[in-house]
């Protein structure tokens, strides 16, 4: 079904009223709440650059001061807005088989004063450059996808410099945390908030023991990237396997590979060759006394059709889970890549002009709210709508 232009515009207007109403209790004064609403309008407007001056012009303000105050001088809780976004996403996109996707993205920056900035690698630029890094969690279901959590990564050059932390208004209780540790905290928050999901997917940055054990204890399946030199061994009752992931892949019989789709992308089905090895069947009760039944630890291998490049994933799933399911879960990682691209190109995710800890969290959380609203509208509209000007048409029609 395709919604009419009139129905979609009404859905757009009602959704915008709804999300503004949800964040209204965060502000003690009506004028500040109104400025926050105008900030959200600016993020959703047609302008490609979401600078303070651009948002101010769209809001009819003589300068960017009110817009800047929302991110800096104002007093409101960005984590409370994060929770509002998460609850909104669950309300509109909830599915028990959903995948929580973890990944990071870079924000290119000049200078050294912006919170967490430094010379570090970011996949956004494909190189080491001066940037901030943000770790994100996205909720991906059959209804759509949207961000539900975020955290800035602070390098040791920051956490080891109290004067620098103070200048950026970083809370005194914030210390160094690895990217996997930030992601693990997001997993715990999602579980504590009773977010319905069955799986976690992430690249090799997050394929670490702490995350694996936490998910096993929580009764969640996972498909987590690992490095080629990660060691794997099978247990009693499974075909003998031992060695690094790369060595195991090299020794596979050609018949072990299957060509499967990880889901549709912008250019059609994302086809790769896949192999899956079951390594051990374990009782779920060993990790969670409230769970029962056998779960399987395994190794999933992806081979690029064109150049043969390999990628490796450690897996945990209910016994009997077919390879097709694991491939689809891994394919859900595309959702967060699409989210980063859309949020940066359409909603100004990387247009934050503040330097402080609070400014980063506030800006990113407001963008998350705008993105969640777009995802909910798209789901409600049951598909793409006739093309029209503005971000609402471009974002709703993304694939």
Protein backbone atom coordinates (compact mmCIF):
# COMPACT_ATOMS: atom_id res chain seq x y z
CA UNK A 1 0.00 0.00 0.00
CA UNK A 2 1.09 3.55 -0.71
CA UNK A 3 -0.21 6.37 1.46
CA UNK A 4 -1.63 9.46 -0.26
CA UNK A 5 0.20 12.76 0.00
CA UNK A 6 -2.59 14.21 2.12
CA UNK A 7 -2.61 11.25 4.53
CA UNK A 8 1.17 11.33 4.86
CA UNK A 9 1.26 15.08 5.51
CA UNK A 10 -1.31 14.65 8.26
CA UNK A 11 0.71 11.75 9.66
CA UNK A 12 3.79 13.96 9.53
CA UNK A 13 2.05 16.80 11.40
CA UNK A 14 0.51 14.55 14.05
CA UNK A 15 3.80 12.71 14.61
CA UNK A 16 5.67 15.98 15.05
CA UNK A 17 3.11 17.16 17.61
CA UNK A 18 3.42 13.83 19.38
CA UNK A 19 7.22 13.83 19.75
CA UNK A 20 7.27 17.47 20.84
CA UNK A 21 4.68 16.62 23.46
CA UNK A 22 6.77 13.71 24.70
CA UNK A 23 9.85 15.85 25.25
CA UNK A 24 7.94 18.82 26.74
CA UNK A 25 8.28 17.60 30.39
CA UNK A 26 12.07 17.82 30.06
CA UNK A 27 11.90 21.64 30.14
CA UNK A 28 10.80 23.77 33.06
CA UNK A 29 9.90 26.82 30.94
CA UNK A 30 7.55 27.10 27.97
CA UNK A 31 9.95 29.28 26.00
CA UNK A 32 12.76 26.73 26.34
CA UNK A 33 10.41 23.92 25.28
CA UNK A 34 9.36 26.03 22.30
CA UNK A 35 13.00 26.58 21.33
CA UNK A 36 13.62 22.82 21.56
CA UNK A 37 10.65 22.25 19.29
CA UNK A 38 12.04 24.75 16.80
CA UNK A 39 15.42 23.02 17.01
CA UNK A 40 13.70 19.78 16.03
CA UNK A 41 11.95 21.59 13.17
CA UNK A 42 15.33 22.81 11.97
CA UNK A 43 16.76 19.29 11.92
CA UNK A 44 13.82 18.15 9.79
CA UNK A 45 13.95 21.14 7.41
CA UNK A 46 15.25 21.14 3.84
CA UNK A 47 18.57 22.85 4.58
CA UNK A 48 21.49 20.47 4.06
CA UNK A 49 23.61 22.16 6.73
CA UNK A 50 21.97 22.19 10.15
CA UNK A 51 24.12 24.96 11.64
CA UNK A 52 22.92 27.26 14.41
CA UNK A 53 22.44 30.11 11.96
CA UNK A 54 20.50 27.89 9.55
CA UNK A 55 18.23 26.61 12.32
CA UNK A 56 17.78 30.12 13.66
CA UNK A 57 16.77 31.42 10.24
CA UNK A 58 14.23 28.59 9.89
CA UNK A 59 12.90 29.42 13.36
CA UNK A 60 12.63 33.14 12.60
CA UNK A 61 15.22 34.10 15.24
CA UNK A 62 17.61 37.03 14.63
CA UNK A 63 20.59 34.89 15.60
CA UNK A 64 21.58 31.39 16.76
CA UNK A 65 21.60 32.16 20.50
CA UNK A 66 18.37 30.36 21.39
CA UNK A 67 19.43 27.35 19.35
CA UNK A 68 22.83 27.30 21.04
CA UNK A 69 21.24 27.65 24.47
CA UNK A 70 19.31 24.42 23.95
CA UNK A 71 22.60 22.57 23.57
CA UNK A 72 24.68 24.47 26.08
CA UNK A 73 23.31 26.90 28.65
CA UNK A 74 19.92 25.26 29.09
CA UNK A 75 19.28 22.84 31.93
CA UNK A 76 17.73 19.59 30.80
CA UNK A 77 18.59 15.91 30.87
CA UNK A 78 19.76 14.46 27.55
CA UNK A 79 19.67 10.93 28.98
CA UNK A 80 15.98 11.40 29.74
CA UNK A 81 15.47 12.31 26.08
CA UNK A 82 17.44 9.20 25.08
CA UNK A 83 15.00 7.12 27.11
CA UNK A 84 12.05 8.87 25.45
CA UNK A 85 13.51 8.04 22.04
CA UNK A 86 14.05 4.42 23.02
CA UNK A 87 10.49 4.04 24.32
CA UNK A 88 9.12 5.71 21.18
CA UNK A 89 11.07 3.34 18.94
CA UNK A 90 9.83 0.31 20.88
CA UNK A 91 6.26 1.58 20.72
CA UNK A 92 6.35 1.89 16.94
CA UNK A 93 8.87 -0.70 15.73
CA UNK A 94 8.69 -3.40 18.41
CA UNK A 95 9.27 -7.02 17.41
CA UNK A 96 10.37 -9.93 19.61
CA UNK A 97 12.80 -11.10 16.92
CA UNK A 98 14.43 -7.67 16.53
CA UNK A 99 18.19 -7.19 16.39
CA UNK A 100 20.12 -4.71 18.54
CA UNK A 101 22.95 -3.46 16.31
CA UNK A 102 26.11 -1.91 17.76
CA UNK A 103 28.58 0.25 15.86
CA UNK A 104 30.52 3.49 16.01
CA UNK A 105 30.84 6.47 13.69
CA UNK A 106 33.20 9.40 13.41
CA UNK A 107 32.54 13.14 13.52
CA UNK A 108 35.29 15.11 11.76
CA UNK A 109 36.43 18.07 13.87
CA UNK A 110 39.07 20.79 13.84
CA UNK A 111 41.04 21.79 16.91
CA UNK A 112 41.38 19.94 20.21
CA UNK A 113 38.68 21.40 22.50
CA UNK A 114 35.56 19.48 21.37
CA UNK A 115 34.72 16.69 23.80
CA UNK A 116 36.63 13.50 22.93
CA UNK A 117 38.28 14.91 19.81
CA UNK A 118 41.66 13.57 18.78
CA UNK A 119 43.59 11.88 16.01
CA UNK A 120 42.05 8.43 15.77
CA UNK A 121 40.80 6.01 13.16
CA UNK A 122 37.26 6.37 11.90
CA UNK A 123 35.61 4.26 9.25
CA UNK A 124 33.64 7.35 8.21
CA UNK A 125 36.83 8.76 6.69
CA UNK A 126 38.64 5.45 6.25
CA UNK A 127 41.77 6.78 7.93
CA UNK A 128 43.26 8.28 11.08
CA UNK A 129 42.13 11.87 11.34
CA UNK A 130 41.05 14.50 13.85
CA UNK A 131 37.58 13.49 14.96
CA UNK A 132 35.17 12.51 17.69
CA UNK A 133 33.91 8.92 17.91
CA UNK A 134 30.39 8.03 18.99
CA UNK A 135 29.23 4.50 19.84
CA UNK A 136 25.59 3.81 18.97
CA UNK A 137 22.94 1.14 19.36
CA UNK A 138 20.19 0.81 16.76
CA UNK A 139 17.00 -1.20 16.96
CA UNK A 140 16.33 -3.13 13.74
CA UNK A 141 13.09 -5.03 13.22
CA UNK A 142 10.85 -6.05 10.33
CA UNK A 143 9.05 -2.71 10.88
CA UNK A 144 12.09 -0.47 10.45
CA UNK A 145 15.15 0.73 12.32
CA UNK A 146 16.20 3.64 14.52
CA UNK A 147 18.81 4.61 17.10
CA UNK A 148 18.05 3.83 20.76
CA UNK A 149 21.31 4.71 22.53
CA UNK A 150 24.58 6.60 22.14
CA UNK A 151 27.79 7.46 23.97
CA UNK A 152 30.89 9.48 23.10
CA UNK A 153 34.20 7.63 23.23
CA UNK A 154 36.82 9.46 25.30
CA UNK A 155 40.42 8.46 24.46
CA UNK A 156 42.94 8.10 27.28
CA UNK A 157 44.46 11.41 26.21
CA UNK A 158 41.21 12.91 27.48
CA UNK A 159 40.44 10.83 30.55
CA UNK A 160 44.02 11.28 31.74
CA UNK A 161 43.80 15.09 31.56
CA UNK A 162 41.51 16.49 34.32
CA UNK A 163 41.80 20.08 33.08
CA UNK A 164 40.66 19.06 29.62
CA UNK A 165 37.71 17.11 31.04
CA UNK A 166 36.70 20.08 33.19
CA UNK A 167 36.86 22.51 30.27
CA UNK A 168 34.46 20.27 28.29
CA UNK A 169 32.16 19.86 31.33
CA UNK A 170 32.61 16.10 31.45
CA UNK A 171 31.01 14.75 34.67
CA UNK A 172 33.56 13.92 37.35
CA UNK A 173 32.46 10.29 37.55
CA UNK A 174 33.22 9.61 33.86
CA UNK A 175 36.45 7.68 33.29
CA UNK A 176 38.02 5.78 30.45
CA UNK A 177 35.84 3.13 28.83
CA UNK A 178 36.59 1.05 25.77
CA UNK A 179 34.13 0.99 22.89
CA UNK A 180 32.99 -2.55 23.84
CA UNK A 181 32.45 -1.36 27.42
CA UNK A 182 30.27 1.52 26.17
CA UNK A 183 28.32 -0.94 24.00
CA UNK A 184 27.92 -3.37 26.90
CA UNK A 185 26.38 -0.59 29.00
CA UNK A 186 23.89 0.02 26.17
CA UNK A 187 22.97 -3.67 26.09
CA UNK A 188 22.34 -3.60 29.83
CA UNK A 189 20.19 -0.46 29.53
CA UNK A 190 18.11 -2.03 26.78
CA UNK A 191 17.57 -5.20 28.80
CA UNK A 192 16.71 -3.27 31.96
CA UNK A 193 14.19 -1.22 29.98
CA UNK A 194 12.59 -4.47 28.69
CA UNK A 195 13.33 -3.62 25.07
CA UNK A 196 12.14 -6.65 23.04
CA UNK A 197 14.97 -8.11 20.97
CA UNK A 198 16.32 -11.59 20.34
CA UNK A 199 19.71 -10.87 18.79
CA UNK A 200 22.74 -8.60 18.90
CA UNK A 201 24.87 -7.97 15.82
CA UNK A 202 28.14 -6.05 15.62
CA UNK A 203 31.50 -5.96 13.88
CA UNK A 204 34.80 -7.28 15.23
CA UNK A 205 35.34 -4.32 17.57
CA UNK A 206 32.56 -5.71 19.75
CA UNK A 207 33.22 -9.46 19.43
CA UNK A 208 34.72 -9.66 22.91
CA UNK A 209 34.22 -12.06 25.80
CA UNK A 210 32.44 -9.64 28.12
CA UNK A 211 29.71 -8.96 25.58
CA UNK A 212 29.38 -12.64 24.69
CA UNK A 213 28.96 -13.69 28.32
CA UNK A 214 26.49 -10.89 29.10
CA UNK A 215 24.30 -11.92 26.16
CA UNK A 216 24.42 -15.60 27.10
CA UNK A 217 23.33 -14.75 30.63
CA UNK A 218 20.50 -12.64 29.21
CA UNK A 219 19.30 -15.38 26.87
CA UNK A 220 20.06 -13.35 23.74
CA UNK A 221 21.52 -14.71 20.53
CA UNK A 222 24.37 -12.97 18.78
CA UNK A 223 26.37 -12.71 15.57
CA UNK A 224 29.52 -10.79 16.46
CA UNK A 225 32.46 -10.10 14.19
CA UNK A 226 35.86 -11.52 15.14
CA UNK A 227 39.35 -11.26 13.67
CA UNK A 228 40.88 -13.79 11.31
CA UNK A 229 43.34 -14.91 13.99
CA UNK A 230 40.64 -15.64 16.60
CA UNK A 231 40.90 -19.21 17.88
CA UNK A 232 38.02 -21.69 17.61
CA UNK A 233 37.68 -25.29 18.78
CA UNK A 234 34.80 -27.75 18.59
CA UNK A 235 33.64 -29.88 21.53
CA UNK A 236 32.45 -33.45 21.95
CA UNK A 237 29.61 -34.34 19.61
CA UNK A 238 30.60 -31.92 16.85
CA UNK A 239 32.89 -32.45 13.84
CA UNK A 240 36.50 -31.79 14.87
CA UNK A 241 37.52 -28.17 14.27
CA UNK A 242 40.57 -26.38 15.67
CA UNK A 243 42.63 -23.38 14.68
CA UNK A 244 42.24 -19.75 13.78
CA UNK A 245 39.15 -18.59 11.93
CA UNK A 246 41.25 -18.05 8.80
CA UNK A 247 42.82 -21.52 9.01
CA UNK A 248 39.42 -23.13 9.46
CA UNK A 249 38.03 -21.27 6.44
CA UNK A 250 40.98 -22.30 4.29
CA UNK A 251 40.42 -25.97 5.12
CA UNK A 252 36.70 -26.07 4.33
CA UNK A 253 35.34 -28.40 1.68
CA UNK A 254 33.90 -26.41 -1.27
CA UNK A 255 30.54 -28.04 -0.55
CA UNK A 256 30.45 -26.27 2.83
CA UNK A 257 29.71 -22.91 1.17
CA UNK A 258 26.22 -21.65 0.33
CA UNK A 259 25.28 -18.52 -1.58
CA UNK A 260 22.74 -16.65 0.53
CA UNK A 261 21.29 -13.16 0.76
CA UNK A 262 21.83 -11.07 3.89
CA UNK A 263 18.81 -8.97 2.88
CA UNK A 264 17.99 -6.35 0.31
CA UNK A 265 20.25 -3.36 -0.14
CA UNK A 266 20.13 -0.30 -2.35
CA UNK A 267 21.21 -2.44 -5.33
CA UNK A 268 19.13 -5.54 -4.65
CA UNK A 269 19.88 -8.73 -2.73
CA UNK A 270 23.20 -8.66 -0.84
CA UNK A 271 24.56 -12.03 -1.92
CA UNK A 272 27.66 -13.65 -0.42
CA UNK A 273 29.00 -17.16 0.05
CA UNK A 274 28.53 -18.41 3.62
CA UNK A 275 29.72 -21.33 5.74
CA UNK A 276 28.56 -22.22 9.23
CA UNK A 277 30.23 -24.57 11.70
CA UNK A 278 28.54 -25.71 14.90
CA UNK A 279 31.19 -25.95 17.61
CA UNK A 280 29.35 -26.92 20.79
CA UNK A 281 25.87 -27.48 22.23
CA UNK A 282 25.54 -26.07 25.74
CA UNK A 283 22.75 -25.90 28.29
CA UNK A 284 21.32 -22.41 28.58
CA UNK A 285 20.94 -22.97 32.33
CA UNK A 286 24.75 -22.87 32.64
CA UNK A 287 24.53 -19.13 32.04
CA UNK A 288 21.01 -18.26 33.20
CA UNK A 289 19.19 -20.35 35.80
CA UNK A 290 15.86 -19.12 34.44
CA UNK A 291 16.58 -20.50 30.95
CA UNK A 292 16.52 -24.05 29.66
CA UNK A 293 17.31 -25.96 26.49
CA UNK A 294 20.36 -26.33 24.29
CA UNK A 295 22.09 -23.39 22.66
CA UNK A 296 24.82 -23.67 20.05
CA UNK A 297 28.12 -21.85 19.86
CA UNK A 298 29.35 -21.56 16.29
CA UNK A 299 31.51 -19.89 13.68
CA UNK A 300 29.92 -18.13 10.70
CA UNK A 301 32.13 -17.23 7.74
CA UNK A 302 31.27 -14.83 4.91
CA UNK A 303 33.10 -14.82 1.57
CA UNK A 304 32.76 -11.97 -0.91
CA UNK A 305 31.56 -13.23 -4.26
CA UNK A 306 33.78 -10.95 -6.36
CA UNK A 307 37.15 -10.93 -4.56
CA UNK A 308 36.90 -13.77 -2.02
CA UNK A 309 37.47 -11.48 0.96
CA UNK A 310 36.55 -13.25 4.20
CA UNK A 311 34.79 -12.05 7.35
CA UNK A 312 34.28 -14.10 10.51
CA UNK A 313 31.58 -14.11 13.20
CA UNK A 314 31.19 -15.89 16.51
CA UNK A 315 27.59 -16.98 17.03
CA UNK A 316 25.29 -18.08 19.85
CA UNK A 317 21.79 -19.29 19.09
CA UNK A 318 19.13 -21.84 20.07
CA UNK A 319 20.14 -25.31 18.89
CA UNK A 320 18.78 -26.03 15.43
CA UNK A 321 18.89 -22.42 14.24
CA UNK A 322 19.52 -22.56 10.47
CA UNK A 323 22.33 -20.71 8.76
CA UNK A 324 19.76 -18.60 6.88
CA UNK A 325 18.65 -17.04 10.17
CA UNK A 326 22.20 -16.22 11.23
CA UNK A 327 22.92 -14.66 7.85
CA UNK A 328 19.80 -12.50 8.14
CA UNK A 329 20.85 -11.37 11.64
CA UNK A 330 24.32 -10.43 10.40
CA UNK A 331 22.67 -8.60 7.52
CA UNK A 332 20.82 -6.39 9.98
CA UNK A 333 24.09 -4.56 10.61
CA UNK A 334 23.28 -2.72 7.38
CA UNK A 335 20.52 -0.94 9.29
CA UNK A 336 22.90 1.07 11.45
CA UNK A 337 25.10 1.96 8.47
CA UNK A 338 22.00 3.24 6.69
CA UNK A 339 21.01 5.11 9.85
CA UNK A 340 24.37 6.87 10.08
CA UNK A 341 24.23 7.89 6.43
CA UNK A 342 20.68 9.21 6.64
CA UNK A 343 21.17 10.95 9.98
CA UNK A 344 24.30 12.72 8.73
CA UNK A 345 23.08 13.61 5.25
CA UNK A 346 19.50 14.53 6.14
CA UNK A 347 19.30 15.38 9.85
CA UNK A 348 22.65 16.96 10.73
CA UNK A 349 24.00 14.25 13.04
CA UNK A 350 27.55 15.48 12.38
CA UNK A 351 26.69 19.20 12.36
CA UNK A 352 27.07 19.70 16.11
CA UNK A 353 28.80 23.02 16.78
CA UNK A 354 29.20 22.67 20.54
CA UNK A 355 32.32 21.53 22.33
CA UNK A 356 30.90 20.24 25.60
CA UNK A 357 29.88 16.81 26.87
CA UNK A 358 26.32 18.04 27.38
CA UNK A 359 26.18 19.66 23.95
CA UNK A 360 27.20 16.43 22.22
CA UNK A 361 24.59 14.36 24.08
CA UNK A 362 21.82 16.90 23.52
CA UNK A 363 22.47 17.39 19.83
CA UNK A 364 22.77 13.67 19.13
CA UNK A 365 19.67 12.83 21.19
CA UNK A 366 17.57 15.39 19.32
CA UNK A 367 18.76 13.93 16.01
CA UNK A 368 17.87 10.47 17.30
CA UNK A 369 14.35 11.69 18.07
CA UNK A 370 13.98 13.17 14.58
CA UNK A 371 15.22 9.93 13.02
CA UNK A 372 12.90 7.79 15.16
CA UNK A 373 9.95 9.92 14.11
CA UNK A 374 10.88 9.44 10.46
CA UNK A 375 11.10 5.67 10.92
CA UNK A 376 7.73 5.54 12.64
CA UNK A 377 6.11 7.61 9.87
CA UNK A 378 7.59 5.35 7.23
CA UNK A 379 6.25 2.26 8.99
CA UNK A 380 2.80 3.79 9.47
CA UNK A 381 2.65 4.90 5.86
CA UNK A 382 3.23 1.28 4.78
CA UNK A 383 5.95 2.12 2.31
CA UNK A 384 7.22 4.90 0.12
CA UNK A 385 5.07 7.88 -0.72
CA UNK A 386 4.96 9.98 -3.91
CA UNK A 387 8.06 12.15 -4.18
CA UNK A 388 7.87 15.65 -2.73
CA UNK A 389 10.38 18.23 -1.61
CA UNK A 390 12.19 18.14 1.68
CA UNK A 391 13.75 15.66 4.05
CA UNK A 392 10.44 13.92 4.67
CA UNK A 393 10.37 12.62 1.10
CA UNK A 394 14.07 11.77 0.85
CA UNK A 395 14.29 9.95 4.17
CA UNK A 396 10.97 8.14 3.89
CA UNK A 397 11.96 6.74 0.52
CA UNK A 398 15.46 5.49 1.52
CA UNK A 399 16.15 1.78 1.01
